[in-house]
C-alpha atoms as a PDB file:
ATOM      1  CA  MET A   1      98.385 130.150  75.275  1.00  0.00           C
ATOM      2  CA  ILE A   2     101.735 128.931  76.637  1.00  0.00           C
ATOM      3  CA  LYS A   3     100.933 130.571  79.977  1.00  0.00           C
ATOM      4  CA  SER A   4      97.592 128.733  80.098  1.00  0.00           C
ATOM      5  CA  VAL A   5      99.235 125.383  79.328  1.00  0.00           C
ATOM      6  CA  LEU A   6     101.876 126.002  82.004  1.00  0.00           C
ATOM      7  CA  ASN A   7      99.234 127.029  84.543  1.00  0.00           C
ATOM      8  CA  ASN A   8      97.239 123.867  83.834  1.00  0.00           C
ATOM      9  CA  ALA A   9     100.373 121.743  84.192  1.00  0.00           C
ATOM     10  CA  ILE A  10     101.227 123.410  87.498  1.00  0.00           C
ATOM     11  CA  ILE A  11      97.675 122.960  88.799  1.00  0.00           C
ATOM     12  CA  GLU A  12      97.689 119.256  87.874  1.00  0.00           C
ATOM     13  CA  LYS A  13     101.071 118.770  89.577  1.00  0.00           C
ATOM     14  CA  LEU A  14      99.809 120.466  92.762  1.00  0.00           C
ATOM     15  CA  ARG A  15      96.633 118.370  92.752  1.00  0.00           C
ATOM     16  CA  SER A  16      98.693 115.226  92.374  1.00  0.00           C
ATOM     17  CA  GLN A  17     100.914 116.263  95.272  1.00  0.00           C
ATOM     18  CA  GLU A  18      97.912 117.072  97.518  1.00  0.00           C
ATOM     19  CA  VAL A  19      96.350 113.675  96.835  1.00  0.00           C
ATOM     20  CA  THR A  20      99.678 111.941  97.520  1.00  0.00           C
ATOM     21  CA  LEU A  21     100.156 113.887 100.748  1.00  0.00           C
ATOM     22  CA  MET A  22      96.663 112.985 101.913  1.00  0.00           C
ATOM     23  CA  LYS A  23      97.160 109.309 101.123  1.00  0.00           C
ATOM     24  CA  ARG A  24     100.400 109.345 103.115  1.00  0.00           C
ATOM     25  CA  GLY A  25      98.695 111.144 106.005  1.00  0.00           C
ATOM     26  CA  GLU A  26     100.900 114.212 105.684  1.00  0.00           C
ATOM     27  CA  ILE A  27      98.108 116.796 105.484  1.00  0.00           C
ATOM     28  CA  LYS A  28      97.054 117.438 109.068  1.00  0.00           C
ATOM     29  CA  ALA A  29      94.729 120.438 108.763  1.00  0.00           C
ATOM     30  CA  VAL A  30      93.001 122.558 106.154  1.00  0.00           C
ATOM     31  CA  HIS A  31      91.653 126.000 107.034  1.00  0.00           C
ATOM     32  CA  ASP A  32      87.942 126.602 106.365  1.00  0.00           C
ATOM     33  CA  ASP A  33      88.912 129.188 103.742  1.00  0.00           C
ATOM     34  CA  ASP A  34      90.809 126.489 101.825  1.00  0.00           C
ATOM     35  CA  LEU A  35      88.269 123.667 102.163  1.00  0.00           C
ATOM     36  CA  VAL A  36      86.634 124.119  98.761  1.00  0.00           C
ATOM     37  CA  ASN A  37      90.002 124.200  96.986  1.00  0.00           C
ATOM     38  CA  PHE A  38      91.164 121.168  98.949  1.00  0.00           C
ATOM     39  CA  LEU A  39      88.043 119.161  98.056  1.00  0.00           C
ATOM     40  CA  GLN A  40      88.366 120.238  94.416  1.00  0.00           C
ATOM     41  CA  SER A  41      91.991 119.105  94.377  1.00  0.00           C
ATOM     42  CA  LEU A  42      90.857 115.664  95.504  1.00  0.00           C
ATOM     43  CA  GLY A  43      88.027 115.521  92.974  1.00  0.00           C
ATOM     44  CA  GLU A  44      85.535 115.388  95.856  1.00  0.00           C
ATOM     45  CA  TYR A  45      83.908 118.825  95.798  1.00  0.00           C
ATOM     46  CA  ASP A  46      81.115 117.971  93.339  1.00  0.00           C
ATOM     47  CA  LYS A  47      80.293 114.797  95.302  1.00  0.00           C
ATOM     48  CA  VAL A  48      79.987 116.747  98.544  1.00  0.00           C
ATOM     49  CA  ILE A  49      77.842 119.450  96.926  1.00  0.00           C
ATOM     50  CA  ALA A  50      75.629 116.777  95.338  1.00  0.00           C
ATOM     51  CA  GLY A  51      75.070 115.187  98.755  1.00  0.00           C
ATOM     52  CA  THR A  52      76.436 111.801  97.761  1.00  0.00           C
ATOM     53  CA  MET A  53      79.143 111.494 100.420  1.00  0.00           C
ATOM     54  CA  LYS A  54      78.355 110.230 103.910  1.00  0.00           C
ATOM     55  CA  CYS A  55      80.036 110.163 107.281  1.00  0.00           C
ATOM     56  CA  GLN A  56      82.063 106.978 107.665  1.00  0.00           C
ATOM     57  CA  PHE A  57      80.685 106.484 111.165  1.00  0.00           C
ATOM     58  CA  CYS A  58      76.994 107.470 111.228  1.00  0.00           C
ATOM     59  CA  GLY A  59      76.005 107.737 107.562  1.00  0.00           C
ATOM     60  CA  GLU A  60      74.951 111.396 107.764  1.00  0.00           C
ATOM     61  CA  ILE A  61      75.199 113.183 104.426  1.00  0.00           C
ATOM     62  CA  ILE A  62      78.328 115.316 104.346  1.00  0.00           C
ATOM     63  CA  THR A  63      77.996 119.019 103.535  1.00  0.00           C
ATOM     64  CA  LEU A  64      80.468 121.889 103.555  1.00  0.00           C
ATOM     65  CA  ASP A  65      78.944 122.904 106.901  1.00  0.00           C
ATOM     66  CA  ASN A  66      79.331 119.584 108.724  1.00  0.00           C
ATOM     67  CA  ILE A  67      82.724 118.269 107.573  1.00  0.00           C
ATOM     68  CA  GLN A  68      84.865 117.613 110.624  1.00  0.00           C
ATOM     69  CA  SER A  69      87.528 115.540 108.912  1.00  0.00           C
ATOM     70  CA  VAL A  70      88.573 114.180 105.538  1.00  0.00           C
ATOM     71  CA  PHE A  71      90.820 111.142 105.690  1.00  0.00           C
ATOM     72  CA  PRO A  72      92.138 108.299 103.533  1.00  0.00           C
ATOM     73  CA  LEU A  73      90.581 104.882 104.052  1.00  0.00           C
ATOM     74  CA  ASP A  74      91.386 101.845 101.931  1.00  0.00           C
ATOM     75  CA  GLY A  75      92.690 104.056  99.137  1.00  0.00           C
ATOM     76  CA  GLU A  76      89.550 106.194  99.072  1.00  0.00           C
ATOM     77  CA  VAL A  77      88.550 109.540 100.533  1.00  0.00           C
ATOM     78  CA  ALA A  78      86.407 109.173 103.651  1.00  0.00           C
ATOM     79  CA  TYR A  79      84.598 111.725 105.788  1.00  0.00           C
ATOM     80  CA  CYS A  80      83.743 112.309 109.420  1.00  0.00           C
ATOM     81  CA  CYS A  81      80.848 114.631 110.243  1.00  0.00           C
ATOM     82  CA  ASN A  82      80.934 117.143 113.082  1.00  0.00           C
ATOM     83  CA  SER A  83      79.156 114.860 115.534  1.00  0.00           C
ATOM     84  CA  THR A  84      81.148 114.500 118.743  1.00  0.00           C
ATOM     85  CA  LYS A  85      80.466 110.751 118.770  1.00  0.00           C
ATOM     86  CA  CYS A  86      81.782 110.292 115.237  1.00  0.00           C
ATOM     87  CA  TYR A  87      84.832 112.462 115.819  1.00  0.00           C
ATOM     88  CA  LYS A  88      85.626 110.462 118.956  1.00  0.00           C
ATOM     89  CA  LEU A  89      85.501 107.249 116.898  1.00  0.00           C
ATOM     90  CA  LEU A  90      87.856 108.794 114.361  1.00  0.00           C
ATOM     91  CA  ILE A  91      90.314 109.938 117.018  1.00  0.00           C
ATOM     92  CA  GLU A  92      90.231 106.519 118.686  1.00  0.00           C
ATOM     93  CA  GLY A  93      91.264 104.999 115.369  1.00  0.00           C
ATOM     94  CA  SER A  94      88.080 103.179 114.487  1.00  0.00           C
ATOM     95  CA  SER A  95      87.722 103.223 110.718  1.00  0.00           C
ATOM     96  CA  ARG A  96      84.350 101.553 110.627  1.00  0.00           C
ATOM     97  CA  GLY A  97      81.018 102.730 111.814  1.00  0.00           C
ATOM     98  CA  ASP A  98      77.430 102.261 110.809  1.00  0.00           C
ATOM     99  CA  GLY A  99      77.904 104.721 107.943  1.00  0.00           C
ATOM    100  CA  ASP A 100      78.903 104.110 104.381  1.00  0.00           C
ATOM    101  CA  SER A 101      81.283 106.631 102.808  1.00  0.00           C
ATOM    102  CA  THR A 102      79.801 106.221  99.348  1.00  0.00           C
ATOM    103  CA  SER A 103      76.280 106.470  98.068  1.00  0.00           C
END
């Protein structure tokens, strides 16, 4: 029981740190093997699986297969799909496209 409580406390602390690091732009890359855990730590995994998140630039529905980038935007989590055009917009620093990052 104590071990379970400690594990939950540690997990919550790590999640909090990951969210803070992302908001500060300190997470630069996440390996494909860690993507699910990363999205779960942000509270975004279920949204991606449900198909409710869209590319910030083109509006394409984001899936685990087409995520190119996850980035903070106006205090929210935003996504870029794997389209070359969208990724170019992201790299150039454009935060707005035709897409809407929420459903």
